[in-house]
C-alpha atoms as a PDB file:
ATOM      1  CA  UNK A   1      53.752 -27.225   1.646  1.00  0.00           C
ATOM      2  CA  UNK A   2      50.755 -26.369  -0.987  1.00  0.00           C
ATOM      3  CA  UNK A   3      47.334 -24.819  -0.248  1.00  0.00           C
ATOM      4  CA  UNK A   4      43.831 -25.054  -2.100  1.00  0.00           C
ATOM      5  CA  UNK A   5      42.210 -21.969  -3.146  1.00  0.00           C
ATOM      6  CA  UNK A   6      38.602 -22.756  -4.197  1.00  0.00           C
ATOM      7  CA  UNK A   7      36.042 -20.381  -5.834  1.00  0.00           C
ATOM      8  CA  UNK A   8      32.084 -21.316  -5.772  1.00  0.00           C
ATOM      9  CA  UNK A   9      29.027 -20.768  -5.475  1.00  0.00           C
ATOM     10  CA  UNK A  10      25.096 -22.527  -6.085  1.00  0.00           C
ATOM     11  CA  UNK A  11      22.224 -20.927  -7.040  1.00  0.00           C
ATOM     12  CA  UNK A  12      19.749 -22.965  -4.858  1.00  0.00           C
ATOM     13  CA  UNK A  13      16.780 -21.852  -2.441  1.00  0.00           C
ATOM     14  CA  UNK A  14      17.830 -21.738   1.262  1.00  0.00           C
ATOM     15  CA  UNK A  15      14.504 -21.766   3.221  1.00  0.00           C
ATOM     16  CA  UNK A  16      16.222 -20.377   6.378  1.00  0.00           C
ATOM     17  CA  UNK A  17      19.542 -18.984   5.448  1.00  0.00           C
ATOM     18  CA  UNK A  18      20.543 -17.355   9.181  1.00  0.00           C
ATOM     19  CA  UNK A  19      20.441 -21.187  10.530  1.00  0.00           C
ATOM     20  CA  UNK A  20      21.995 -22.370   7.066  1.00  0.00           C
ATOM     21  CA  UNK A  21      24.946 -19.667   7.672  1.00  0.00           C
ATOM     22  CA  UNK A  22      25.149 -20.731  11.490  1.00  0.00           C
ATOM     23  CA  UNK A  23      25.617 -24.162  10.459  1.00  0.00           C
ATOM     24  CA  UNK A  24      28.150 -23.610   7.823  1.00  0.00           C
ATOM     25  CA  UNK A  25      30.205 -21.052  10.059  1.00  0.00           C
ATOM     26  CA  UNK A  26      30.430 -23.773  12.742  1.00  0.00           C
ATOM     27  CA  UNK A  27      31.873 -26.330  10.308  1.00  0.00           C
ATOM     28  CA  UNK A  28      34.078 -23.864   8.644  1.00  0.00           C
ATOM     29  CA  UNK A  29      35.786 -23.125  12.131  1.00  0.00           C
ATOM     30  CA  UNK A  30      36.062 -26.608  13.157  1.00  0.00           C
ATOM     31  CA  UNK A  31      37.613 -27.265   9.802  1.00  0.00           C
ATOM     32  CA  UNK A  32      39.932 -24.510  10.691  1.00  0.00           C
ATOM     33  CA  UNK A  33      39.528 -22.748   6.876  1.00  0.00           C
ATOM     34  CA  UNK A  34      39.947 -18.943   5.856  1.00  0.00           C
ATOM     35  CA  UNK A  35      38.063 -17.036   3.362  1.00  0.00           C
ATOM     36  CA  UNK A  36      34.768 -15.151   2.716  1.00  0.00           C
ATOM     37  CA  UNK A  37      31.287 -17.375   2.301  1.00  0.00           C
ATOM     38  CA  UNK A  38      27.709 -15.005   1.790  1.00  0.00           C
ATOM     39  CA  UNK A  39      24.957 -17.157   1.614  1.00  0.00           C
ATOM     40  CA  UNK A  40      21.355 -15.658   0.802  1.00  0.00           C
ATOM     41  CA  UNK A  41      17.703 -16.988   0.538  1.00  0.00           C
ATOM     42  CA  UNK A  42      18.960 -17.374  -3.602  1.00  0.00           C
ATOM     43  CA  UNK A  43      21.864 -19.921  -2.495  1.00  0.00           C
ATOM     44  CA  UNK A  44      25.775 -19.706  -1.601  1.00  0.00           C
ATOM     45  CA  UNK A  45      28.807 -17.979  -2.799  1.00  0.00           C
ATOM     46  CA  UNK A  46      32.625 -18.600  -1.334  1.00  0.00           C
ATOM     47  CA  UNK A  47      36.015 -18.764  -1.842  1.00  0.00           C
ATOM     48  CA  UNK A  48      37.756 -20.161   0.410  1.00  0.00           C
ATOM     49  CA  UNK A  49      41.776 -21.201   1.307  1.00  0.00           C
ATOM     50  CA  UNK A  50      43.350 -24.543   3.131  1.00  0.00           C
ATOM     51  CA  UNK A  51      44.713 -27.454   3.138  1.00  0.00           C
ATOM     52  CA  UNK A  52      43.787 -29.945   0.221  1.00  0.00           C
ATOM     53  CA  UNK A  53      42.311 -32.255   3.122  1.00  0.00           C
ATOM     54  CA  UNK A  54      40.275 -29.303   4.768  1.00  0.00           C
ATOM     55  CA  UNK A  55      39.272 -28.028   1.131  1.00  0.00           C
ATOM     56  CA  UNK A  56      38.358 -32.098   0.450  1.00  0.00           C
ATOM     57  CA  UNK A  57      36.340 -32.166   3.289  1.00  0.00           C
ATOM     58  CA  UNK A  58      34.518 -28.795   2.961  1.00  0.00           C
ATOM     59  CA  UNK A  59      33.557 -30.011  -0.785  1.00  0.00           C
ATOM     60  CA  UNK A  60      31.963 -33.166   0.737  1.00  0.00           C
ATOM     61  CA  UNK A  61      29.972 -31.218   3.219  1.00  0.00           C
ATOM     62  CA  UNK A  62      28.448 -29.246   0.544  1.00  0.00           C
ATOM     63  CA  UNK A  63      27.700 -31.755  -1.688  1.00  0.00           C
ATOM     64  CA  UNK A  64      25.931 -33.420   1.480  1.00  0.00           C
ATOM     65  CA  UNK A  65      23.594 -30.539   1.688  1.00  0.00           C
ATOM     66  CA  UNK A  66      20.148 -31.030  -0.084  1.00  0.00           C
ATOM     67  CA  UNK A  67      19.753 -29.393  -3.471  1.00  0.00           C
ATOM     68  CA  UNK A  68      23.847 -28.772  -3.709  1.00  0.00           C
ATOM     69  CA  UNK A  69      24.948 -31.865  -4.755  1.00  0.00           C
ATOM     70  CA  UNK A  70      25.936 -30.786  -8.063  1.00  0.00           C
ATOM     71  CA  UNK A  71      27.962 -27.708  -6.668  1.00  0.00           C
ATOM     72  CA  UNK A  72      31.237 -26.918  -9.186  1.00  0.00           C
ATOM     73  CA  UNK A  73      34.613 -26.010  -7.646  1.00  0.00           C
ATOM     74  CA  UNK A  74      37.201 -23.891  -9.390  1.00  0.00           C
ATOM     75  CA  UNK A  75      40.774 -24.736  -7.242  1.00  0.00           C
ATOM     76  CA  UNK A  76      43.984 -23.592  -7.698  1.00  0.00           C
ATOM     77  CA  UNK A  77      47.279 -24.622  -5.952  1.00  0.00           C
ATOM     78  CA  UNK A  78      48.943 -21.865  -3.607  1.00  0.00           C
ATOM     79  CA  UNK A  79      51.992 -21.276  -1.346  1.00  0.00           C
ATOM     80  CA  UNK A  80      50.088 -19.611   1.348  1.00  0.00           C
ATOM     81  CA  UNK A  81      46.395 -18.991   2.498  1.00  0.00           C
ATOM     82  CA  UNK A  82      45.592 -15.530   0.429  1.00  0.00           C
ATOM     83  CA  UNK A  83      42.832 -14.927   3.134  1.00  0.00           C
ATOM     84  CA  UNK A  84      43.492 -13.237   7.052  1.00  0.00           C
ATOM     85  CA  UNK A  85      40.300 -14.681   8.590  1.00  0.00           C
ATOM     86  CA  UNK A  86      36.869 -16.364   8.060  1.00  0.00           C
ATOM     87  CA  UNK A  87      33.965 -14.402   7.013  1.00  0.00           C
ATOM     88  CA  UNK A  88      30.581 -16.417   6.672  1.00  0.00           C
ATOM     89  CA  UNK A  89      27.571 -13.975   6.693  1.00  0.00           C
ATOM     90  CA  UNK A  90      23.936 -13.822   5.062  1.00  0.00           C
ATOM     91  CA  UNK A  91      23.366 -11.072   2.360  1.00  0.00           C
ATOM     92  CA  UNK A  92      20.192 -10.202   0.347  1.00  0.00           C
ATOM     93  CA  UNK A  93      22.114 -11.744  -2.658  1.00  0.00           C
ATOM     94  CA  UNK A  94      25.050 -13.707  -3.077  1.00  0.00           C
ATOM     95  CA  UNK A  95      26.205 -11.442  -5.868  1.00  0.00           C
ATOM     96  CA  UNK A  96      24.084  -8.307  -5.827  1.00  0.00           C
ATOM     97  CA  UNK A  97      22.099  -6.658  -8.739  1.00  0.00           C
ATOM     98  CA  UNK A  98      20.113  -4.935  -6.887  1.00  0.00           C
ATOM     99  CA  UNK A  99      16.660  -6.259  -9.192  1.00  0.00           C
ATOM    100  CA  UNK A 100      13.785  -8.444  -8.299  1.00  0.00           C
ATOM    101  CA  UNK A 101      12.911 -11.186 -10.328  1.00  0.00           C
ATOM    102  CA  UNK A 102      15.981 -12.283 -11.802  1.00  0.00           C
ATOM    103  CA  UNK A 103      16.100 -16.015 -12.054  1.00  0.00           C
ATOM    104  CA  UNK A 104      19.557 -17.464 -12.972  1.00  0.00           C
ATOM    105  CA  UNK A 105      17.468 -20.568 -14.260  1.00  0.00           C
ATOM    106  CA  UNK A 106      16.088 -18.309 -17.387  1.00  0.00           C
ATOM    107  CA  UNK A 107      19.538 -17.682 -18.243  1.00  0.00           C
ATOM    108  CA  UNK A 108      22.150 -18.170 -20.939  1.00  0.00           C
ATOM    109  CA  UNK A 109      23.628 -20.747 -22.460  1.00  0.00           C
ATOM    110  CA  UNK A 110      26.418 -22.308 -20.194  1.00  0.00           C
ATOM    111  CA  UNK A 111      29.007 -22.357 -23.154  1.00  0.00           C
ATOM    112  CA  UNK A 112      32.102 -24.852 -22.324  1.00  0.00           C
ATOM    113  CA  UNK A 113      35.878 -23.609 -22.698  1.00  0.00           C
ATOM    114  CA  UNK A 114      36.467 -25.321 -25.636  1.00  0.00           C
ATOM    115  CA  UNK A 115      33.225 -23.922 -27.605  1.00  0.00           C
ATOM    116  CA  UNK A 116      34.236 -20.443 -26.412  1.00  0.00           C
ATOM    117  CA  UNK A 117      37.564 -21.213 -27.987  1.00  0.00           C
ATOM    118  CA  UNK A 118      36.226 -22.644 -31.185  1.00  0.00           C
ATOM    119  CA  UNK A 119      33.701 -19.731 -31.459  1.00  0.00           C
ATOM    120  CA  UNK A 120      36.292 -16.826 -30.741  1.00  0.00           C
ATOM    121  CA  UNK A 121      38.597 -18.976 -33.089  1.00  0.00           C
ATOM    122  CA  UNK A 122      36.147 -19.035 -36.062  1.00  0.00           C
ATOM    123  CA  UNK A 123      35.287 -16.003 -37.551  1.00  0.00           C
ATOM    124  CA  UNK A 124      31.668 -16.061 -36.222  1.00  0.00           C
ATOM    125  CA  UNK A 125      30.193 -12.277 -35.600  1.00  0.00           C
ATOM    126  CA  UNK A 126      29.834 -11.531 -31.854  1.00  0.00           C
ATOM    127  CA  UNK A 127      29.708  -9.179 -29.422  1.00  0.00           C
ATOM    128  CA  UNK A 128      31.428 -10.301 -26.260  1.00  0.00           C
ATOM    129  CA  UNK A 129      31.132  -8.492 -22.757  1.00  0.00           C
ATOM    130  CA  UNK A 130      33.482  -8.497 -19.769  1.00  0.00           C
ATOM    131  CA  UNK A 131      30.957  -9.009 -17.113  1.00  0.00           C
ATOM    132  CA  UNK A 132      33.424  -7.376 -14.174  1.00  0.00           C
ATOM    133  CA  UNK A 133      34.100  -4.353 -12.785  1.00  0.00           C
ATOM    134  CA  UNK A 134      36.535  -1.942 -14.864  1.00  0.00           C
ATOM    135  CA  UNK A 135      39.315  -2.628 -11.877  1.00  0.00           C
ATOM    136  CA  UNK A 136      39.464  -5.948 -12.923  1.00  0.00           C
ATOM    137  CA  UNK A 137      39.281  -5.812 -16.672  1.00  0.00           C
ATOM    138  CA  UNK A 138      42.165  -3.347 -16.566  1.00  0.00           C
ATOM    139  CA  UNK A 139      44.721  -5.710 -15.863  1.00  0.00           C
ATOM    140  CA  UNK A 140      43.349  -8.356 -17.972  1.00  0.00           C
ATOM    141  CA  UNK A 141      40.426  -9.446 -20.393  1.00  0.00           C
ATOM    142  CA  UNK A 142      39.778 -11.394 -24.103  1.00  0.00           C
ATOM    143  CA  UNK A 143      41.055 -10.157 -27.363  1.00  0.00           C
ATOM    144  CA  UNK A 144      38.098  -7.619 -28.347  1.00  0.00           C
ATOM    145  CA  UNK A 145      36.141  -7.960 -25.500  1.00  0.00           C
ATOM    146  CA  UNK A 146      34.017  -5.029 -24.532  1.00  0.00           C
ATOM    147  CA  UNK A 147      35.205  -3.911 -20.767  1.00  0.00           C
ATOM    148  CA  UNK A 148      32.066  -1.427 -19.160  1.00  0.00           C
ATOM    149  CA  UNK A 149      33.743   1.327 -17.333  1.00  0.00           C
ATOM    150  CA  UNK A 150      31.654   0.456 -14.164  1.00  0.00           C
ATOM    151  CA  UNK A 151      32.861   0.186 -10.070  1.00  0.00           C
ATOM    152  CA  UNK A 152      29.954  -2.327  -9.518  1.00  0.00           C
ATOM    153  CA  UNK A 153      28.113  -5.046 -10.647  1.00  0.00           C
ATOM    154  CA  UNK A 154      24.843  -3.815 -10.086  1.00  0.00           C
ATOM    155  CA  UNK A 155      25.993  -0.713 -11.890  1.00  0.00           C
ATOM    156  CA  UNK A 156      25.346  -3.027 -15.200  1.00  0.00           C
ATOM    157  CA  UNK A 157      21.332  -2.476 -15.585  1.00  0.00           C
ATOM    158  CA  UNK A 158      21.980   1.040 -16.170  1.00  0.00           C
ATOM    159  CA  UNK A 159      25.121   0.260 -18.607  1.00  0.00           C
ATOM    160  CA  UNK A 160      22.678  -1.979 -20.549  1.00  0.00           C
ATOM    161  CA  UNK A 161      20.396   0.720 -20.966  1.00  0.00           C
ATOM    162  CA  UNK A 162      23.199   2.980 -21.901  1.00  0.00           C
ATOM    163  CA  UNK A 163      24.341   0.555 -24.760  1.00  0.00           C
ATOM    164  CA  UNK A 164      20.956  -1.216 -25.627  1.00  0.00           C
ATOM    165  CA  UNK A 165      20.766   0.257 -29.137  1.00  0.00           C
ATOM    166  CA  UNK A 166      24.452  -0.132 -30.235  1.00  0.00           C
ATOM    167  CA  UNK A 167      24.401  -3.869 -29.607  1.00  0.00           C
ATOM    168  CA  UNK A 168      21.371  -5.654 -32.016  1.00  0.00           C
ATOM    169  CA  UNK A 169      19.402  -7.826 -30.563  1.00  0.00           C
ATOM    170  CA  UNK A 170      19.692 -10.474 -33.278  1.00  0.00           C
ATOM    171  CA  UNK A 171      23.702 -10.887 -32.777  1.00  0.00           C
ATOM    172  CA  UNK A 172      24.933 -13.669 -31.031  1.00  0.00           C
ATOM    173  CA  UNK A 173      26.389 -12.604 -27.282  1.00  0.00           C
ATOM    174  CA  UNK A 174      29.402 -13.783 -25.237  1.00  0.00           C
ATOM    175  CA  UNK A 175      29.840 -12.682 -21.887  1.00  0.00           C
ATOM    176  CA  UNK A 176      32.391 -13.440 -19.189  1.00  0.00           C
ATOM    177  CA  UNK A 177      33.361 -13.191 -15.727  1.00  0.00           C
ATOM    178  CA  UNK A 178      35.722 -14.807 -13.053  1.00  0.00           C
ATOM    179  CA  UNK A 179      33.862 -17.535 -11.975  1.00  0.00           C
ATOM    180  CA  UNK A 180      30.547 -17.568 -13.843  1.00  0.00           C
ATOM    181  CA  UNK A 181      28.536 -16.093 -10.977  1.00  0.00           C
ATOM    182  CA  UNK A 182      27.765 -12.341 -12.731  1.00  0.00           C
ATOM    183  CA  UNK A 183      27.117 -13.979 -15.763  1.00  0.00           C
ATOM    184  CA  UNK A 184      24.222 -15.923 -14.432  1.00  0.00           C
ATOM    185  CA  UNK A 185      21.968 -12.769 -13.336  1.00  0.00           C
ATOM    186  CA  UNK A 186      23.637 -10.513 -16.615  1.00  0.00           C
ATOM    187  CA  UNK A 187      22.593 -13.097 -19.020  1.00  0.00           C
ATOM    188  CA  UNK A 188      18.990 -12.935 -17.770  1.00  0.00           C
ATOM    189  CA  UNK A 189      18.678  -9.529 -17.488  1.00  0.00           C
ATOM    190  CA  UNK A 190      19.713  -9.364 -21.466  1.00  0.00           C
ATOM    191  CA  UNK A 191      17.556 -12.053 -22.232  1.00  0.00           C
ATOM    192  CA  UNK A 192      14.567 -10.067 -20.812  1.00  0.00           C
ATOM    193  CA  UNK A 193      15.698  -7.459 -22.825  1.00  0.00           C
ATOM    194  CA  UNK A 194      15.224  -9.180 -26.031  1.00  0.00           C
ATOM    195  CA  UNK A 195      18.652 -10.626 -27.200  1.00  0.00           C
ATOM    196  CA  UNK A 196      18.135 -14.368 -27.757  1.00  0.00           C
ATOM    197  CA  UNK A 197      21.703 -15.719 -28.476  1.00  0.00           C
ATOM    198  CA  UNK A 198      23.125 -15.344 -25.237  1.00  0.00           C
ATOM    199  CA  UNK A 199      26.051 -17.257 -23.991  1.00  0.00           C
ATOM    200  CA  UNK A 200      27.626 -17.393 -20.896  1.00  0.00           C
ATOM    201  CA  UNK A 201      31.482 -19.013 -20.228  1.00  0.00           C
ATOM    202  CA  UNK A 202      30.488 -21.920 -18.239  1.00  0.00           C
ATOM    203  CA  UNK A 203      33.069 -21.611 -14.982  1.00  0.00           C
ATOM    204  CA  UNK A 204      34.513 -18.156 -16.395  1.00  0.00           C
ATOM    205  CA  UNK A 205      37.985 -17.141 -16.427  1.00  0.00           C
ATOM    206  CA  UNK A 206      39.357 -19.514 -13.724  1.00  0.00           C
ATOM    207  CA  UNK A 207      37.710 -22.351 -15.888  1.00  0.00           C
ATOM    208  CA  UNK A 208      38.801 -21.501 -19.002  1.00  0.00           C
ATOM    209  CA  UNK A 209      42.171 -21.259 -17.666  1.00  0.00           C
ATOM    210  CA  UNK A 210      42.592 -25.026 -16.701  1.00  0.00           C
ATOM    211  CA  UNK A 211      40.673 -26.095 -19.609  1.00  0.00           C
ATOM    212  CA  UNK A 212      42.155 -24.215 -22.359  1.00  0.00           C
ATOM    213  CA  UNK A 213      45.435 -22.815 -21.454  1.00  0.00           C
ATOM    214  CA  UNK A 214      43.596 -19.173 -21.371  1.00  0.00           C
ATOM    215  CA  UNK A 215      44.591 -18.913 -25.329  1.00  0.00           C
ATOM    216  CA  UNK A 216      42.861 -14.891 -26.379  1.00  0.00           C
ATOM    217  CA  UNK A 217      43.140 -14.050 -22.913  1.00  0.00           C
ATOM    218  CA  UNK A 218      45.602 -11.100 -22.454  1.00  0.00           C
ATOM    219  CA  UNK A 219      47.282 -10.105 -18.743  1.00  0.00           C
ATOM    220  CA  UNK A 220      45.840 -11.661 -15.600  1.00  0.00           C
ATOM    221  CA  UNK A 221      42.680 -12.317 -13.763  1.00  0.00           C
ATOM    222  CA  UNK A 222      41.918 -10.019 -10.646  1.00  0.00           C
ATOM    223  CA  UNK A 223      41.039 -12.293  -8.105  1.00  0.00           C
ATOM    224  CA  UNK A 224      39.302 -11.104  -4.451  1.00  0.00           C
ATOM    225  CA  UNK A 225      42.024 -12.160  -2.213  1.00  0.00           C
ATOM    226  CA  UNK A 226      45.387 -11.433  -0.905  1.00  0.00           C
ATOM    227  CA  UNK A 227      46.976 -12.459  -4.488  1.00  0.00           C
ATOM    228  CA  UNK A 228      44.846  -9.669  -6.821  1.00  0.00           C
ATOM    229  CA  UNK A 229      45.847 -11.091  -9.537  1.00  0.00           C
ATOM    230  CA  UNK A 230      46.805 -14.579 -11.174  1.00  0.00           C
ATOM    231  CA  UNK A 231      48.243 -16.007 -14.570  1.00  0.00           C
ATOM    232  CA  UNK A 232      45.763 -16.828 -17.000  1.00  0.00           C
ATOM    233  CA  UNK A 233      47.330 -17.823 -20.254  1.00  0.00           C
ATOM    234  CA  UNK A 234      51.234 -19.014 -20.363  1.00  0.00           C
ATOM    235  CA  UNK A 235      51.856 -17.395 -23.347  1.00  0.00           C
ATOM    236  CA  UNK A 236      50.421 -13.971 -22.354  1.00  0.00           C
ATOM    237  CA  UNK A 237      51.274 -12.862 -19.295  1.00  0.00           C
ATOM    238  CA  UNK A 238      53.061  -9.340 -20.147  1.00  0.00           C
ATOM    239  CA  UNK A 239      50.918  -6.124 -18.318  1.00  0.00           C
ATOM    240  CA  UNK A 240      48.104  -4.459 -20.513  1.00  0.00           C
ATOM    241  CA  UNK A 241      47.748  -1.985 -17.616  1.00  0.00           C
ATOM    242  CA  UNK A 242      50.029   0.737 -16.650  1.00  0.00           C
ATOM    243  CA  UNK A 243      51.276   2.347 -13.335  1.00  0.00           C
ATOM    244  CA  UNK A 244      49.004   5.383 -12.918  1.00  0.00           C
ATOM    245  CA  UNK A 245      52.337   6.847 -11.429  1.00  0.00           C
ATOM    246  CA  UNK A 246      55.393   6.316 -13.832  1.00  0.00           C
ATOM    247  CA  UNK A 247      52.816   4.860 -16.841  1.00  0.00           C
ATOM    248  CA  UNK A 248      55.162   1.820 -17.202  1.00  0.00           C
ATOM    249  CA  UNK A 249      53.512  -1.359 -17.782  1.00  0.00           C
ATOM    250  CA  UNK A 250      52.481  -2.723 -14.614  1.00  0.00           C
ATOM    251  CA  UNK A 251      49.557  -5.112 -13.083  1.00  0.00           C
ATOM    252  CA  UNK A 252      50.027  -4.915  -9.314  1.00  0.00           C
ATOM    253  CA  UNK A 253      47.150  -3.270  -7.278  1.00  0.00           C
ATOM    254  CA  UNK A 254      47.737  -1.034  -4.028  1.00  0.00           C
ATOM    255  CA  UNK A 255      45.348   0.906  -1.853  1.00  0.00           C
ATOM    256  CA  UNK A 256      46.408   4.486  -1.215  1.00  0.00           C
ATOM    257  CA  UNK A 257      48.169   4.992   1.657  1.00  0.00           C
ATOM    258  CA  UNK A 258      46.077   8.179   2.760  1.00  0.00           C
ATOM    259  CA  UNK A 259      42.895   6.334   4.740  1.00  0.00           C
ATOM    260  CA  UNK A 260      40.516   9.340   3.854  1.00  0.00           C
ATOM    261  CA  UNK A 261      41.272   7.974   0.080  1.00  0.00           C
ATOM    262  CA  UNK A 262      42.082   4.260  -0.159  1.00  0.00           C
ATOM    263  CA  UNK A 263      41.892   4.182  -3.322  1.00  0.00           C
ATOM    264  CA  UNK A 264      42.713   0.895  -5.128  1.00  0.00           C
ATOM    265  CA  UNK A 265      45.097   1.436  -8.147  1.00  0.00           C
ATOM    266  CA  UNK A 266      47.473  -0.232 -10.578  1.00  0.00           C
ATOM    267  CA  UNK A 267      51.249   0.877  -9.062  1.00  0.00           C
ATOM    268  CA  UNK A 268      54.381  -0.335  -9.741  1.00  0.00           C
ATOM    269  CA  UNK A 269      56.762  -0.516  -7.178  1.00  0.00           C
ATOM    270  CA  UNK A 270      58.980   2.870  -8.657  1.00  0.00           C
ATOM    271  CA  UNK A 271      55.838   4.337  -8.480  1.00  0.00           C
ATOM    272  CA  UNK A 272      55.170   3.543  -4.759  1.00  0.00           C
ATOM    273  CA  UNK A 273      58.496   4.337  -3.792  1.00  0.00           C
ATOM    274  CA  UNK A 274      58.037   7.542  -5.895  1.00  0.00           C
ATOM    275  CA  UNK A 275      54.684   9.015  -3.877  1.00  0.00           C
ATOM    276  CA  UNK A 276      55.303   6.500  -0.816  1.00  0.00           C
ATOM    277  CA  UNK A 277      52.178   4.110  -1.401  1.00  0.00           C
ATOM    278  CA  UNK A 278      49.791   7.492  -2.733  1.00  0.00           C
ATOM    279  CA  UNK A 279      47.976   8.110  -5.506  1.00  0.00           C
ATOM    280  CA  UNK A 280      48.548  11.579  -5.784  1.00  0.00           C
ATOM    281  CA  UNK A 281      50.707  14.248  -4.687  1.00  0.00           C
ATOM    282  CA  UNK A 282      47.703  15.673  -2.479  1.00  0.00           C
ATOM    283  CA  UNK A 283      47.416  12.134  -0.957  1.00  0.00           C
ATOM    284  CA  UNK A 284      50.841  12.077  -0.081  1.00  0.00           C
ATOM    285  CA  UNK A 285      50.553  15.369   1.705  1.00  0.00           C
ATOM    286  CA  UNK A 286      47.689  13.942   3.614  1.00  0.00           C
ATOM    287  CA  UNK A 287      47.777  13.803   7.783  1.00  0.00           C
ATOM    288  CA  UNK A 288      46.070  10.842   7.406  1.00  0.00           C
ATOM    289  CA  UNK A 289      48.748   8.868   5.253  1.00  0.00           C
ATOM    290  CA  UNK A 290      49.754   5.294   6.745  1.00  0.00           C
ATOM    291  CA  UNK A 291      53.547   4.919   7.094  1.00  0.00           C
ATOM    292  CA  UNK A 292      55.082   3.453   3.955  1.00  0.00           C
ATOM    293  CA  UNK A 293      57.802   0.708   4.278  1.00  0.00           C
ATOM    294  CA  UNK A 294      59.103   0.005   0.862  1.00  0.00           C
ATOM    295  CA  UNK A 295      61.036  -3.297   1.994  1.00  0.00           C
ATOM    296  CA  UNK A 296      57.539  -4.523   2.608  1.00  0.00           C
ATOM    297  CA  UNK A 297      55.048  -2.893   0.121  1.00  0.00           C
ATOM    298  CA  UNK A 298      56.363  -5.061  -2.239  1.00  0.00           C
ATOM    299  CA  UNK A 299      57.704  -8.149  -0.543  1.00  0.00           C
ATOM    300  CA  UNK A 300      57.722 -10.857  -2.843  1.00  0.00           C
ATOM    301  CA  UNK A 301      56.602 -13.685  -0.883  1.00  0.00           C
ATOM    302  CA  UNK A 302      54.209 -15.316  -3.158  1.00  0.00           C
ATOM    303  CA  UNK A 303      55.154 -17.094  -6.735  1.00  0.00           C
ATOM    304  CA  UNK A 304      52.989 -18.363  -9.323  1.00  0.00           C
ATOM    305  CA  UNK A 305      53.384 -21.796 -10.240  1.00  0.00           C
ATOM    306  CA  UNK A 306      53.078 -23.641 -13.339  1.00  0.00           C
ATOM    307  CA  UNK A 307      49.301 -24.511 -13.563  1.00  0.00           C
ATOM    308  CA  UNK A 308      49.716 -25.446 -17.076  1.00  0.00           C
ATOM    309  CA  UNK A 309      52.801 -27.278 -18.391  1.00  0.00           C
ATOM    310  CA  UNK A 310      56.057 -27.987 -17.436  1.00  0.00           C
ATOM    311  CA  UNK A 311      57.449 -25.472 -19.361  1.00  0.00           C
ATOM    312  CA  UNK A 312      56.296 -22.605 -17.860  1.00  0.00           C
ATOM    313  CA  UNK A 313      59.139 -22.213 -15.056  1.00  0.00           C
ATOM    314  CA  UNK A 314      58.376 -20.649 -11.747  1.00  0.00           C
ATOM    315  CA  UNK A 315      58.020 -16.981 -11.548  1.00  0.00           C
ATOM    316  CA  UNK A 316      58.558 -14.812  -8.599  1.00  0.00           C
ATOM    317  CA  UNK A 317      56.312 -11.990  -8.498  1.00  0.00           C
ATOM    318  CA  UNK A 318      55.785  -9.026  -6.141  1.00  0.00           C
ATOM    319  CA  UNK A 319      52.205  -8.606  -4.218  1.00  0.00           C
ATOM    320  CA  UNK A 320      51.491  -5.959  -2.627  1.00  0.00           C
ATOM    321  CA  UNK A 321      52.105  -6.312   1.454  1.00  0.00           C
ATOM    322  CA  UNK A 322      48.462  -4.733   2.534  1.00  0.00           C
ATOM    323  CA  UNK A 323      45.000  -3.427   0.921  1.00  0.00           C
ATOM    324  CA  UNK A 324      42.901  -5.378  -1.691  1.00  0.00           C
ATOM    325  CA  UNK A 325      39.526  -5.401  -1.671  1.00  0.00           C
ATOM    326  CA  UNK A 326      36.268  -7.554  -1.126  1.00  0.00           C
ATOM    327  CA  UNK A 327      33.626  -9.113  -3.380  1.00  0.00           C
END
C-alpha cells in the first residue's frame, strides 16, 4: 500500500490560534493522520502522513478555511507513514527566526524551478545561499551553494551580520530551503539589509525535485520525519557526506546511543557497529548508553521509489531504527 507524505505552510493571520489549533487537531484525530502541525497568529505549517484519501480530505479541509484557499502542498509517496504520532500545537512562530517585523509579504521573488535551473545554467553571476541547518546541507546541496555553519534557523541573522560585507548588495541572491518556508523570512531580512535582487526557490528543494528532476543537486535532502533523507537528483544519488566514525561516504543519520549526548550524526552501518551506536569512545563508555541492536539499528525496511521516471530502479536503503529530530 502506498501512503502519502505532505509538506505545507501558509502565512495567513489567524485571529485565535488556540481555537484554530483545537479545531484542527480534532479534525486530524478524526481523520487518523499522523505528523506535526504548528499554528501561530502568523499562519500554519505542517508535515503529515496518511493514505492518499486521508491526505486529500485534509487538503480539502485546509482549502475550506477562510484565507487558506491558496495553500500549496508538496507531496511524496512512501511505503509507510514516517511519523509515530500526531502533534498539533500553538507556537509563537510557525518557523522560528526570533525577530519582530519580518513580514513574508515583503520577501523576495518566488523563482519557479524552471527559472532557477535556467539561472544556474546561464552563467549569470549570483550568490546562492542554503537556508537550512548545517546538518541538513551536509548530506545534500546545490552546486556552488554557500552552506552556513549554523545549528538553528534563528542563528541566520547573526550569520548574515558576519557575512554582510562579503556579499555585495548589488549581487543577485538565490536562496533555497526544504519546502520554502525559511526563505520566506530570510529573504525579508536580506531585503531589509539592502539586497535588492533577492530570489527564493518556489516550493524549495522538494518542489524542484518534482519539477526539474533535481538537476544540479548533489546528495539527498534531509527531512524532519522517520525517513531522515530522501532522493532529489536521480543522476546524483551518491553520498556527499562521510561517516563520522569510519570516514567513508555515507548519508545515514543516527542519534548517539549515549542518552546524555544524543548527538545527531552521519554514520554508516559499519561505524555504528564499531561504536555500538555511539559518536565517540567517551560516549561508548557512558553508563547512560542505550542498548545497541545491530540487527535493527539499520534495518532495510523502507524503499525509495522512482519519483522521476521508469529508468530509476527501486533501491532498498537502510534507515536508522530510532532517533531523528523535530522541526
